[in-house]
Amino acid sequence: QEKDPKFWNTWAQRTLKNALTLQDLNKNKAKNLILFLGDGMGVPTVTAARILKGQLNGQSGEETQLEMDKFPFVSLAKTYNTNAQVPDSAGTATAYLCGVKANEGTVGVSAAAVRSQCNTTEGNEVTSILRWAKDAGKSVGIVTTTRVNHATPSAAYAHCVDRDWYSDNEMPAEALQAGCKDIARQLFENIPNIDVIMGGGRKYMFPKNKSDVEYPDVAKHSGTRKDGRNLVQEWTDRMKDKKGHYVWNKKQLLSLNPNNVDYLLGLFEPADLTYDLERNTETDPSLTEMVEVAIKILRKNPSGFYLLVEGGRIDHGHHEGKAKQALHEAVEMDRAIGRAALLTSIHDTLTIVTADHSHMFNFGGYTVRGNTIFGLAPMLSDIDQKPFTSILYGNGPGYKIVNGARENVSTINYR
């Protein structure tokens, strides 16, 4: 059908008609707000994820629509930190959650705060939309594939001059003595009644050397806290008469009846959740599953809700040069966006999908239509006459040197 000009003309007319309906703006006041944040999900990542989504459905991929492609409005965002040309996820999270640009590596504080300098915290705190929503009587939630005290989610509730202060174990002695609090502690103390918290980061909530419930024999997964506090137990005690539930695996999560849950704390890994491609589907929930439970709990509030959802490991895949992991993470976030759309109404729910920064990820090489997104370009390099993958990382080298020359990728599993 693509060979027939009518196919394209009809599609163009349909698109134009849809665009014209948008002239009549939806002026309803949004009761609910969902922010989907694809960490590190720049434009090339979106394009590649679109193709991968189609290919996973048995199509060539390029013509596929992501859930975000179906949204009525699209725009580009400019991103930087007050002290960085290339921003990090902490300073950017402060910008889009608190409305104030900030320094690299800091969360929930203005640019007057200096990274790692505890004494620059006080007086420079900035509050987030999660707090504003809570103060307005709405229910609020955080769902992430990273640690719940990682850069992106922490800007929603914490005021910290160092994104790496996950627990008191990661803080310098002078910062502790000066009264600065670790991010895990701030999660439970700053806004003590966050309705839904789901992600990883279990080890930062438990006393040092306390064995992890899921990996009791793995030392690196044991508790980290030097203050001896069990933040999960403290939360459970506080919420026991308020329909509060703590879960740490998929079975526990999916056995809950959201109608009987008002507060939920779900910590499914000691640190970040596993990549979706490596996820144990029996024991670990997907981002989509977490989002579904979160919305079903939050939407019970007649005043509405605010939900922050982070596809946080798109970023990690790119940092590691693992395009396959990154793109599958992006496709999973797309599924979660679709599920959220089914569970909410456009008449009272505003949904935004965005990113905090991009990566040195791109693809090219004149690949033919339907070429696997992880495949080779159709021609050899004119530099060394060897094959090369369509996907490339600009901060590589992205290849091994074998006997003084670039490895022949056609002889290895480049996918």
Protein backbone atom coordinates (compact mmCIF):
# COMPACT_ATOMS: atom_id res chain seq x y z
CA GLN A 1 0.00 0.00 0.00
CA GLU A 2 2.95 2.34 0.55
CA LYS A 3 3.58 2.22 -3.22
CA ASP A 4 0.24 3.93 -3.85
CA PRO A 5 0.35 7.76 -3.53
CA LYS A 6 -3.27 7.66 -2.29
CA PHE A 7 -2.08 5.90 0.87
CA TRP A 8 0.12 8.85 1.78
CA ASN A 9 -2.42 11.49 0.72
CA THR A 10 -5.16 9.86 2.79
CA TRP A 11 -2.86 9.62 5.80
CA ALA A 12 -1.91 13.28 5.39
CA GLN A 13 -5.57 14.34 5.28
CA ARG A 14 -6.36 12.29 8.37
CA THR A 15 -3.44 13.85 10.23
CA LEU A 16 -4.50 17.34 9.15
CA LYS A 17 -8.10 16.77 10.32
CA ASN A 18 -6.84 15.57 13.70
CA ALA A 19 -4.60 18.63 13.99
CA LEU A 20 -7.50 20.95 13.22
CA THR A 21 -9.58 19.46 16.06
CA LEU A 22 -6.80 20.58 18.41
CA GLN A 23 -7.61 24.21 17.62
CA ASP A 24 -10.46 23.69 20.09
CA LEU A 25 -8.27 23.47 23.18
CA ASN A 26 -9.11 21.30 26.17
CA LYS A 27 -9.64 24.03 28.76
CA ASN A 28 -10.64 21.65 31.55
CA LYS A 29 -8.74 22.09 34.79
CA ALA A 30 -6.58 18.99 35.27
CA LYS A 31 -7.39 17.14 38.46
CA ASN A 32 -4.57 14.63 38.01
CA LEU A 33 -1.03 15.02 36.66
CA ILE A 34 1.30 12.22 35.58
CA LEU A 35 4.88 13.03 34.60
CA PHE A 36 6.76 10.30 32.75
CA LEU A 37 10.49 11.02 32.76
CA GLY A 38 12.70 8.98 30.46
CA ASP A 39 16.13 9.52 31.98
CA GLY A 40 18.64 10.13 29.19
CA MET A 41 15.90 9.65 26.58
CA GLY A 42 17.02 12.07 23.87
CA VAL A 43 15.49 12.31 20.40
CA PRO A 44 17.63 9.54 18.80
CA THR A 45 16.62 7.23 21.65
CA VAL A 46 12.94 7.96 21.01
CA THR A 47 13.38 7.22 17.30
CA ALA A 48 15.26 3.98 17.92
CA ALA A 49 12.74 2.89 20.57
CA ARG A 50 9.90 3.50 18.12
CA ILE A 51 11.58 1.22 15.58
CA LEU A 52 12.30 -1.43 18.22
CA LYS A 53 8.69 -1.38 19.42
CA GLY A 54 7.49 -2.06 15.87
CA GLN A 55 10.07 -4.78 15.31
CA LEU A 56 9.07 -6.51 18.54
CA ASN A 57 5.55 -6.58 17.08
CA GLY A 58 6.78 -8.20 13.87
CA GLN A 59 6.76 -5.03 11.76
CA SER A 60 9.60 -3.19 10.05
CA GLY A 61 9.31 -0.58 12.80
CA GLU A 62 9.75 2.85 11.26
CA GLU A 63 6.00 3.40 10.77
CA THR A 64 5.16 2.46 14.35
CA GLN A 65 3.64 4.92 16.79
CA LEU A 66 4.88 5.15 20.34
CA GLU A 67 2.23 6.07 22.91
CA MET A 68 3.81 9.52 23.19
CA ASP A 69 3.52 9.93 19.40
CA LYS A 70 -0.26 9.81 19.86
CA PHE A 71 -0.25 12.80 22.22
CA PRO A 72 -1.82 15.99 20.79
CA PHE A 73 1.14 18.28 21.49
CA VAL A 74 4.89 17.92 21.14
CA SER A 75 7.71 20.32 21.93
CA LEU A 76 11.46 20.43 22.39
CA ALA A 77 13.07 21.25 25.73
CA LYS A 78 16.42 22.95 26.21
CA THR A 79 18.41 21.54 29.10
CA TYR A 80 21.53 22.55 31.05
CA ASN A 81 22.58 23.05 34.66
CA THR A 82 23.48 26.44 36.15
CA ASN A 83 27.13 25.33 36.26
CA ALA A 84 27.16 22.69 33.51
CA GLN A 85 26.77 22.74 29.75
CA VAL A 86 26.06 19.00 29.78
CA PRO A 87 23.63 18.49 32.68
CA ASP A 88 23.14 15.61 35.10
CA SER A 89 19.91 14.09 36.35
CA ALA A 90 20.01 15.81 39.75
CA GLY A 91 20.20 19.44 38.65
CA THR A 92 17.70 18.79 35.86
CA ALA A 93 15.25 17.05 38.23
CA THR A 94 15.34 20.13 40.45
CA ALA A 95 14.54 22.22 37.36
CA TYR A 96 11.48 20.32 36.12
CA LEU A 97 10.11 19.31 39.54
CA CYS A 98 10.83 22.52 41.48
CA GLY A 99 10.89 25.04 38.63
CA VAL A 100 14.36 26.29 39.56
CA LYS A 101 17.56 25.56 37.63
CA ALA A 102 20.31 24.24 39.86
CA ASN A 103 23.91 23.05 40.03
CA GLU A 104 25.00 19.66 38.82
CA GLY A 105 24.73 16.95 41.46
CA THR A 106 22.35 18.80 43.78
CA VAL A 107 18.65 18.06 44.43
CA GLY A 108 15.91 20.28 45.80
CA VAL A 109 18.21 23.27 46.38
CA SER A 110 18.83 26.42 44.36
CA ALA A 111 22.06 27.30 42.55
CA ALA A 112 23.21 29.12 45.70
CA ALA A 113 23.95 25.66 47.14
CA VAL A 114 27.34 24.17 46.30
CA ARG A 115 27.75 20.45 45.64
CA SER A 116 29.00 18.45 48.65
CA GLN A 117 29.14 21.53 50.90
CA CYS A 118 26.64 20.81 53.66
CA ASN A 119 26.67 24.35 55.06
CA THR A 120 25.25 25.73 51.79
CA THR A 121 21.99 23.78 52.19
CA GLU A 122 20.07 25.78 54.76
CA GLY A 123 18.08 28.66 53.35
CA ASN A 124 18.52 27.44 49.76
CA GLU A 125 15.86 24.72 49.75
CA VAL A 126 13.27 24.75 46.94
CA THR A 127 10.02 22.77 47.04
CA SER A 128 8.64 20.48 44.35
CA ILE A 129 5.34 19.96 42.60
CA LEU A 130 4.93 16.77 44.63
CA ARG A 131 4.83 18.84 47.80
CA TRP A 132 2.55 21.44 46.20
CA ALA A 133 0.14 18.67 45.19
CA LYS A 134 0.22 17.16 48.68
CA ASP A 135 -0.44 20.56 50.24
CA ALA A 136 -3.40 20.96 47.86
CA GLY A 137 -4.95 17.79 49.27
CA LYS A 138 -4.01 15.50 46.41
CA SER A 139 -2.52 12.02 46.70
CA VAL A 140 1.07 11.75 45.45
CA GLY A 141 3.29 8.95 44.22
CA ILE A 142 6.76 8.12 42.94
CA VAL A 143 7.51 5.10 40.73
CA THR A 144 11.01 4.49 39.38
CA THR A 145 13.18 1.73 37.96
CA THR A 146 16.16 3.17 39.83
CA ARG A 147 16.64 3.56 43.58
CA VAL A 148 13.82 5.59 45.16
CA ASN A 149 16.55 7.85 46.56
CA HIS A 150 18.26 8.27 43.18
CA ALA A 151 18.70 11.68 41.51
CA THR A 152 15.37 11.99 39.69
CA PRO A 153 12.92 10.92 42.42
CA SER A 154 14.87 12.56 45.25
CA ALA A 155 14.34 16.07 43.87
CA ALA A 156 10.63 15.53 44.54
CA TYR A 157 11.11 15.35 48.32
CA ALA A 158 14.74 15.97 49.35
CA HIS A 159 16.97 19.03 49.78
CA CYS A 160 20.49 17.74 49.42
CA VAL A 161 23.75 19.22 48.16
CA ASP A 162 24.96 15.82 46.96
CA ARG A 163 22.94 13.31 44.95
CA ASP A 164 25.26 10.52 46.16
CA TRP A 165 24.30 10.86 49.83
CA TYR A 166 21.94 7.88 49.55
CA SER A 167 22.28 6.99 53.25
CA ASP A 168 24.45 8.30 56.08
CA ASN A 169 27.04 5.69 55.05
CA GLU A 170 27.81 7.67 51.88
CA MET A 171 28.17 11.02 53.67
CA PRO A 172 31.38 12.60 54.96
CA ALA A 173 31.62 12.89 58.75
CA GLU A 174 31.66 16.69 58.66
CA ALA A 175 28.34 16.78 56.74
CA LEU A 176 26.71 14.55 59.34
CA GLN A 177 28.13 16.63 62.18
CA ALA A 178 26.82 19.80 60.53
CA GLY A 179 23.32 18.32 60.55
CA CYS A 180 22.79 17.37 56.90
CA LYS A 181 20.44 14.43 56.34
CA ASP A 182 20.89 11.58 53.90
CA ILE A 183 18.35 11.25 51.08
CA ALA A 184 16.76 7.97 52.28
CA ARG A 185 15.97 9.59 55.62
CA GLN A 186 14.54 12.66 53.90
CA LEU A 187 12.24 10.40 51.86
CA PHE A 188 10.41 9.44 55.05
CA GLU A 189 10.80 12.64 57.07
CA ASN A 190 10.38 15.62 54.75
CA ILE A 191 6.96 14.67 53.36
CA PRO A 192 6.04 11.84 55.73
CA ASN A 193 2.79 10.91 54.01
CA ILE A 194 3.77 10.25 50.38
CA ASP A 195 1.02 7.84 49.34
CA VAL A 196 2.91 5.57 46.94
CA ILE A 197 6.67 4.94 46.75
CA MET A 198 7.96 2.20 44.43
CA GLY A 199 11.38 1.35 43.06
CA GLY A 200 14.71 0.02 44.35
CA GLY A 201 17.12 1.14 47.06
CA ARG A 202 16.21 -1.25 49.86
CA LYS A 203 19.70 -1.45 51.36
CA TYR A 204 19.78 2.26 52.22
CA MET A 205 16.79 1.85 54.53
CA PHE A 206 18.28 -0.80 56.86
CA PRO A 207 21.02 -0.86 59.54
CA LYS A 208 24.57 -1.59 58.40
CA ASN A 209 25.26 -5.27 57.72
CA LYS A 210 21.60 -6.31 58.14
CA SER A 211 21.11 -9.08 55.57
CA ASP A 212 18.86 -8.35 52.62
CA VAL A 213 15.56 -10.23 52.56
CA GLU A 214 16.04 -11.36 48.94
CA TYR A 215 19.82 -11.85 48.85
CA PRO A 216 20.75 -12.79 52.44
CA ASP A 217 24.16 -14.18 51.47
CA VAL A 218 25.32 -11.27 49.31
CA ALA A 219 27.27 -8.79 51.45
CA LYS A 220 27.03 -5.87 49.01
CA HIS A 221 23.23 -6.00 49.28
CA SER A 222 23.17 -5.73 53.09
CA GLY A 223 21.96 -2.62 54.92
CA THR A 224 24.16 0.47 54.84
CA ARG A 225 22.86 2.72 57.61
CA LYS A 226 25.36 3.73 60.29
CA ASP A 227 22.68 5.28 62.51
CA GLY A 228 21.17 1.84 63.11
CA ARG A 229 17.73 2.93 61.98
CA ASN A 230 15.32 0.65 60.14
CA LEU A 231 13.42 3.16 58.03
CA VAL A 232 11.09 0.51 56.60
CA GLN A 233 10.07 -0.67 60.06
CA GLU A 234 9.55 2.93 61.18
CA TRP A 235 7.33 3.54 58.13
CA THR A 236 5.40 0.30 58.70
CA ASP A 237 4.78 1.15 62.36
CA ARG A 238 3.59 4.62 61.45
CA MET A 239 1.24 3.38 58.70
CA LYS A 240 -0.13 0.21 60.31
CA ASP A 241 -3.47 1.81 61.20
CA LYS A 242 -3.63 3.81 57.96
CA LYS A 243 -3.98 0.98 55.42
CA GLY A 244 -0.23 1.09 54.74
CA HIS A 245 1.55 -1.87 53.12
CA TYR A 246 5.24 -2.62 52.55
CA VAL A 247 6.09 -5.07 49.75
CA TRP A 248 9.39 -6.25 48.28
CA ASN A 249 8.40 -8.61 45.47
CA LYS A 250 5.94 -8.88 42.59
CA LYS A 251 3.72 -11.50 44.21
CA GLN A 252 3.14 -9.32 47.28
CA LEU A 253 2.50 -6.27 45.08
CA LEU A 254 -0.03 -7.93 42.80
CA SER A 255 -1.84 -9.65 45.68
CA LEU A 256 -2.84 -6.25 47.11
CA ASN A 257 -6.34 -4.93 46.52
CA PRO A 258 -5.75 -1.23 45.74
CA ASN A 259 -9.18 -0.39 47.22
CA ASN A 260 -7.87 -1.51 50.62
CA VAL A 261 -4.50 0.29 50.34
CA ASP A 262 -4.00 3.97 51.09
CA TYR A 263 -0.21 3.94 51.49
CA LEU A 264 2.24 1.72 49.65
CA LEU A 265 6.01 1.31 50.00
CA GLY A 266 7.50 -1.09 47.47
CA LEU A 267 11.26 -1.68 47.45
CA PHE A 268 12.02 -4.46 44.99
CA GLU A 269 15.83 -4.51 44.89
CA PRO A 270 18.71 -3.49 47.22
CA ALA A 271 19.82 -0.86 44.66
CA ASP A 272 18.42 -0.16 41.17
CA LEU A 273 15.87 -2.53 39.68
CA THR A 274 17.28 -4.96 37.13
CA TYR A 275 17.10 -4.08 33.44
CA ASP A 276 13.77 -5.15 31.99
CA LEU A 277 15.53 -7.60 29.65
CA GLU A 278 17.14 -9.29 32.67
CA ARG A 279 14.14 -9.00 35.00
CA ASN A 280 12.88 -12.09 36.77
CA THR A 281 9.25 -11.88 35.68
CA GLU A 282 8.18 -14.14 38.55
CA THR A 283 9.63 -12.06 41.37
CA ASP A 284 10.15 -8.52 40.02
CA PRO A 285 7.37 -6.22 38.80
CA SER A 286 7.67 -4.35 35.52
CA LEU A 287 7.38 -0.58 35.34
CA THR A 288 3.93 -1.04 33.78
CA GLU A 289 2.77 -3.24 36.65
CA MET A 290 4.02 -0.74 39.24
CA VAL A 291 2.34 2.17 37.43
CA GLU A 292 -0.97 0.32 37.27
CA VAL A 293 -1.05 -0.36 41.02
CA ALA A 294 0.06 3.21 41.78
CA ILE A 295 -2.73 4.79 39.72
CA LYS A 296 -5.38 2.48 41.17
CA ILE A 297 -4.39 3.59 44.68
CA LEU A 298 -3.91 7.29 43.91
CA ARG A 299 -7.06 7.82 41.84
CA LYS A 300 -9.29 7.04 44.82
CA ASN A 301 -8.69 10.57 46.09
CA PRO A 302 -11.58 12.80 44.89
CA SER A 303 -9.19 15.78 44.92
CA GLY A 304 -6.92 14.06 42.41
CA PHE A 305 -3.27 12.97 42.36
CA TYR A 306 0.26 13.68 41.17
CA LEU A 307 2.44 10.79 39.99
CA LEU A 308 6.10 10.91 38.96
CA VAL A 309 7.16 7.92 36.87
CA GLU A 310 10.82 7.48 35.93
CA GLY A 311 12.14 5.13 33.27
CA GLY A 312 15.49 5.61 34.92
CA ARG A 313 17.55 2.83 33.42
CA ILE A 314 17.32 4.07 29.85
CA ASP A 315 20.11 6.33 31.06
CA HIS A 316 22.08 3.49 32.66
CA GLY A 317 22.00 1.43 29.48
CA HIS A 318 23.42 4.33 27.50
CA HIS A 319 26.10 5.07 30.10
CA GLU A 320 27.24 1.48 29.77
CA GLY A 321 27.11 1.58 25.97
CA LYS A 322 24.38 -1.07 26.05
CA ALA A 323 21.90 0.16 23.48
CA LYS A 324 19.82 -3.00 23.69
CA GLN A 325 19.21 -2.51 27.40
CA ALA A 326 18.50 1.21 27.01
CA LEU A 327 16.02 0.79 24.16
CA HIS A 328 14.12 -2.06 25.81
CA GLU A 329 13.83 0.15 28.90
CA ALA A 330 12.34 2.89 26.69
CA VAL A 331 9.86 0.45 25.12
CA GLU A 332 8.81 -0.69 28.60
CA MET A 333 8.21 2.91 29.61
CA ASP A 334 6.09 3.27 26.48
CA ARG A 335 3.99 0.32 27.67
CA ALA A 336 3.54 2.04 31.03
CA ILE A 337 2.40 5.24 29.28
CA GLY A 338 -0.19 3.19 27.38
CA ARG A 339 -1.40 1.51 30.57
CA ALA A 340 -1.72 4.86 32.34
CA ALA A 341 -3.81 6.16 29.43
CA LEU A 342 -6.24 3.24 29.83
CA LEU A 343 -6.57 3.87 33.58
CA THR A 344 -7.18 7.64 33.34
CA SER A 345 -9.27 10.09 31.33
CA ILE A 346 -7.99 12.90 29.11
CA HIS A 347 -10.84 15.02 30.49
CA ASP A 348 -9.31 15.33 33.97
CA THR A 349 -5.74 13.99 33.66
CA LEU A 350 -2.76 15.80 32.19
CA THR A 351 0.03 13.43 31.14
CA ILE A 352 3.47 14.68 30.14
CA VAL A 353 6.33 12.60 28.75
CA THR A 354 9.77 14.16 28.71
CA ALA A 355 13.48 13.62 29.31
CA ASP A 356 16.10 15.34 31.42
CA HIS A 357 19.03 15.11 28.99
CA SER A 358 20.23 13.10 26.02
CA HIS A 359 23.22 10.82 25.37
CA MET A 360 25.98 10.34 22.81
CA PHE A 361 23.78 7.71 21.19
CA ASN A 362 22.83 7.77 17.53
CA PHE A 363 22.27 5.54 14.54
CA GLY A 364 22.82 5.88 10.81
CA GLY A 365 24.70 4.17 8.00
CA TYR A 366 21.95 4.11 5.36
CA THR A 367 20.30 1.01 6.78
CA VAL A 368 17.48 -0.41 4.68
CA ARG A 369 13.86 -0.32 5.77
CA GLY A 370 13.17 -2.86 8.52
CA ASN A 371 16.85 -3.46 9.29
CA THR A 372 17.07 -4.66 12.87
CA ILE A 373 17.78 -1.58 14.94
CA PHE A 374 20.72 -3.44 16.49
CA GLY A 375 22.06 -4.55 13.08
CA LEU A 376 24.94 -3.67 10.80
CA ALA A 377 25.02 -0.89 8.22
CA PRO A 378 24.78 -2.31 4.67
CA MET A 379 28.21 -1.18 3.55
CA LEU A 380 31.73 -1.47 4.92
CA SER A 381 33.57 1.41 6.56
CA ASP A 382 35.59 3.40 4.03
CA ILE A 383 38.24 3.89 6.72
CA ASP A 384 39.13 0.28 7.49
CA GLN A 385 36.88 -1.70 5.12
CA LYS A 386 35.16 -3.53 7.97
CA PRO A 387 31.46 -3.75 8.91
CA PHE A 388 30.05 -1.39 11.53
CA THR A 389 26.87 -1.32 13.56
CA SER A 390 24.20 1.22 12.66
CA ILE A 391 24.06 2.27 16.33
CA LEU A 392 27.09 4.23 17.51
CA TYR A 393 28.12 5.99 20.71
CA GLY A 394 29.99 9.25 20.17
CA ASN A 395 31.89 8.93 23.44
CA GLY A 396 33.11 5.42 22.52
CA PRO A 397 35.48 4.15 21.23
CA GLY A 398 32.71 1.53 21.25
CA TYR A 399 35.00 -1.09 19.75
CA LYS A 400 37.88 -3.32 20.72
CA ILE A 401 41.36 -3.18 19.23
CA VAL A 402 42.46 -6.63 18.10
CA ASN A 403 46.02 -7.00 16.80
CA GLY A 404 46.27 -3.24 16.42
CA ALA A 405 43.08 -2.85 14.40
CA ARG A 406 39.32 -2.58 14.96
CA GLU A 407 37.57 -5.86 15.69
CA ASN A 408 35.49 -7.32 12.86
CA VAL A 409 32.01 -6.97 14.38
CA SER A 410 30.41 -9.33 11.86
CA THR A 411 32.21 -12.22 13.61
CA ILE A 412 30.77 -11.44 17.07
CA ASN A 413 27.30 -11.15 18.58
CA TYR A 414 26.94 -7.38 18.12
CA ARG A 415 23.24 -7.52 19.00
